[in-house]
C-alpha atoms as a PDB file:
ATOM      1  CA  UNK A   1     -11.086  11.366 -23.037  1.00  0.00           C
ATOM      2  CA  UNK A   2     -10.487  12.280 -19.401  1.00  0.00           C
ATOM      3  CA  UNK A   3      -7.060  12.120 -17.766  1.00  0.00           C
ATOM      4  CA  UNK A   4      -7.054  12.429 -13.990  1.00  0.00           C
ATOM      5  CA  UNK A   5      -4.650  11.548 -11.180  1.00  0.00           C
ATOM      6  CA  UNK A   6      -7.575  10.596  -8.975  1.00  0.00           C
ATOM      7  CA  UNK A   7      -9.597   7.398  -9.409  1.00  0.00           C
ATOM      8  CA  UNK A   8     -12.806   8.806  -7.936  1.00  0.00           C
ATOM      9  CA  UNK A   9     -14.935  11.909  -8.381  1.00  0.00           C
ATOM     10  CA  UNK A  10     -16.658  13.511  -5.403  1.00  0.00           C
ATOM     11  CA  UNK A  11     -19.764  15.526  -6.300  1.00  0.00           C
ATOM     12  CA  UNK A  12     -18.912  18.806  -4.518  1.00  0.00           C
ATOM     13  CA  UNK A  13     -22.457  20.259  -4.400  1.00  0.00           C
ATOM     14  CA  UNK A  14     -23.380  17.347  -2.103  1.00  0.00           C
ATOM     15  CA  UNK A  15     -20.682  18.101   0.469  1.00  0.00           C
ATOM     16  CA  UNK A  16     -23.032  20.140   2.705  1.00  0.00           C
ATOM     17  CA  UNK A  17     -25.361  17.127   2.848  1.00  0.00           C
ATOM     18  CA  UNK A  18     -22.411  14.971   3.825  1.00  0.00           C
ATOM     19  CA  UNK A  19     -21.386  17.453   6.561  1.00  0.00           C
ATOM     20  CA  UNK A  20     -24.923  17.329   7.956  1.00  0.00           C
ATOM     21  CA  UNK A  21     -24.785  13.489   7.910  1.00  0.00           C
ATOM     22  CA  UNK A  22     -27.597  13.387   5.342  1.00  0.00           C
ATOM     23  CA  UNK A  23     -25.353  11.534   2.861  1.00  0.00           C
ATOM     24  CA  UNK A  24     -22.603   8.949   3.186  1.00  0.00           C
ATOM     25  CA  UNK A  25     -19.366   9.336   1.202  1.00  0.00           C
ATOM     26  CA  UNK A  26     -20.356   6.382  -1.001  1.00  0.00           C
ATOM     27  CA  UNK A  27     -23.497   8.313  -2.026  1.00  0.00           C
ATOM     28  CA  UNK A  28     -21.584  11.328  -3.359  1.00  0.00           C
ATOM     29  CA  UNK A  29     -18.521   9.565  -4.786  1.00  0.00           C
ATOM     30  CA  UNK A  30     -18.191   7.654  -8.062  1.00  0.00           C
ATOM     31  CA  UNK A  31     -15.345   5.639  -9.560  1.00  0.00           C
ATOM     32  CA  UNK A  32     -14.080   7.304 -12.733  1.00  0.00           C
ATOM     33  CA  UNK A  33     -13.745   3.900 -14.433  1.00  0.00           C
ATOM     34  CA  UNK A  34     -17.542   3.993 -14.798  1.00  0.00           C
ATOM     35  CA  UNK A  35     -17.011   6.544 -17.587  1.00  0.00           C
ATOM     36  CA  UNK A  36     -15.713   3.748 -19.813  1.00  0.00           C
ATOM     37  CA  UNK A  37     -19.244   2.285 -19.843  1.00  0.00           C
ATOM     38  CA  UNK A  38     -20.459   5.599 -21.310  1.00  0.00           C
ATOM     39  CA  UNK A  39     -17.839   5.423 -24.105  1.00  0.00           C
ATOM     40  CA  UNK A  40     -15.723   8.100 -22.421  1.00  0.00           C
ATOM     41  CA  UNK A  41     -12.106   6.979 -22.258  1.00  0.00           C
ATOM     42  CA  UNK A  42     -10.704   7.464 -18.758  1.00  0.00           C
ATOM     43  CA  UNK A  43      -6.953   7.366 -18.149  1.00  0.00           C
ATOM     44  CA  UNK A  44      -5.633   7.327 -14.606  1.00  0.00           C
ATOM     45  CA  UNK A  45      -2.489   9.419 -14.817  1.00  0.00           C
ATOM     46  CA  UNK A  46      -0.936  12.859 -14.925  1.00  0.00           C
ATOM     47  CA  UNK A  47      -0.755  15.043 -18.023  1.00  0.00           C
ATOM     48  CA  UNK A  48       2.859  15.912 -18.771  1.00  0.00           C
ATOM     49  CA  UNK A  49       2.559  17.646 -22.142  1.00  0.00           C
ATOM     50  CA  UNK A  50      -0.170  18.869 -24.493  1.00  0.00           C
ATOM     51  CA  UNK A  51       0.771  19.655 -28.102  1.00  0.00           C
ATOM     52  CA  UNK A  52      -2.401  20.982 -29.785  1.00  0.00           C
ATOM     53  CA  UNK A  53      -0.700  21.714 -33.120  1.00  0.00           C
ATOM     54  CA  UNK A  54       0.229  18.054 -33.541  1.00  0.00           C
ATOM     55  CA  UNK A  55      -2.806  16.757 -31.608  1.00  0.00           C
ATOM     56  CA  UNK A  56      -0.574  14.919 -29.143  1.00  0.00           C
ATOM     57  CA  UNK A  57      -0.986  14.264 -25.406  1.00  0.00           C
ATOM     58  CA  UNK A  58       1.700  12.804 -23.156  1.00  0.00           C
ATOM     59  CA  UNK A  59       0.869  11.370 -19.733  1.00  0.00           C
ATOM     60  CA  UNK A  60       3.014   9.598 -17.174  1.00  0.00           C
ATOM     61  CA  UNK A  61       1.402   6.287 -18.200  1.00  0.00           C
ATOM     62  CA  UNK A  62       0.805   6.543 -21.957  1.00  0.00           C
ATOM     63  CA  UNK A  63       1.083   8.817 -25.005  1.00  0.00           C
ATOM     64  CA  UNK A  64      -1.892   9.632 -27.241  1.00  0.00           C
ATOM     65  CA  UNK A  65      -1.867  10.810 -30.839  1.00  0.00           C
ATOM     66  CA  UNK A  66      -5.359  12.072 -31.647  1.00  0.00           C
ATOM     67  CA  UNK A  67      -6.518  11.611 -35.222  1.00  0.00           C
ATOM     68  CA  UNK A  68      -9.186  13.645 -36.973  1.00  0.00           C
END
C-alpha cells in the first residue's frame, strides 16, 4: 500500500533531461492510480497516525487495520 498526498509521481532522475528540453513533463510524470493495475493499493491522502504494534494506519480519508 502507498499513501501519498500527491496524485502524480515525477521521476527525478529525468529532471535534467526536462531542463534541457529533451523530455516533456508528461514523459517523466505518472499518475499514481496506475499502481492499482499492478495490485499495489494507492490511497490519495495524508498519514495521520501509524500504530505498528496494532498494525493500524490512520489517514485523513480512511483508516486501515492490517491483518497478518
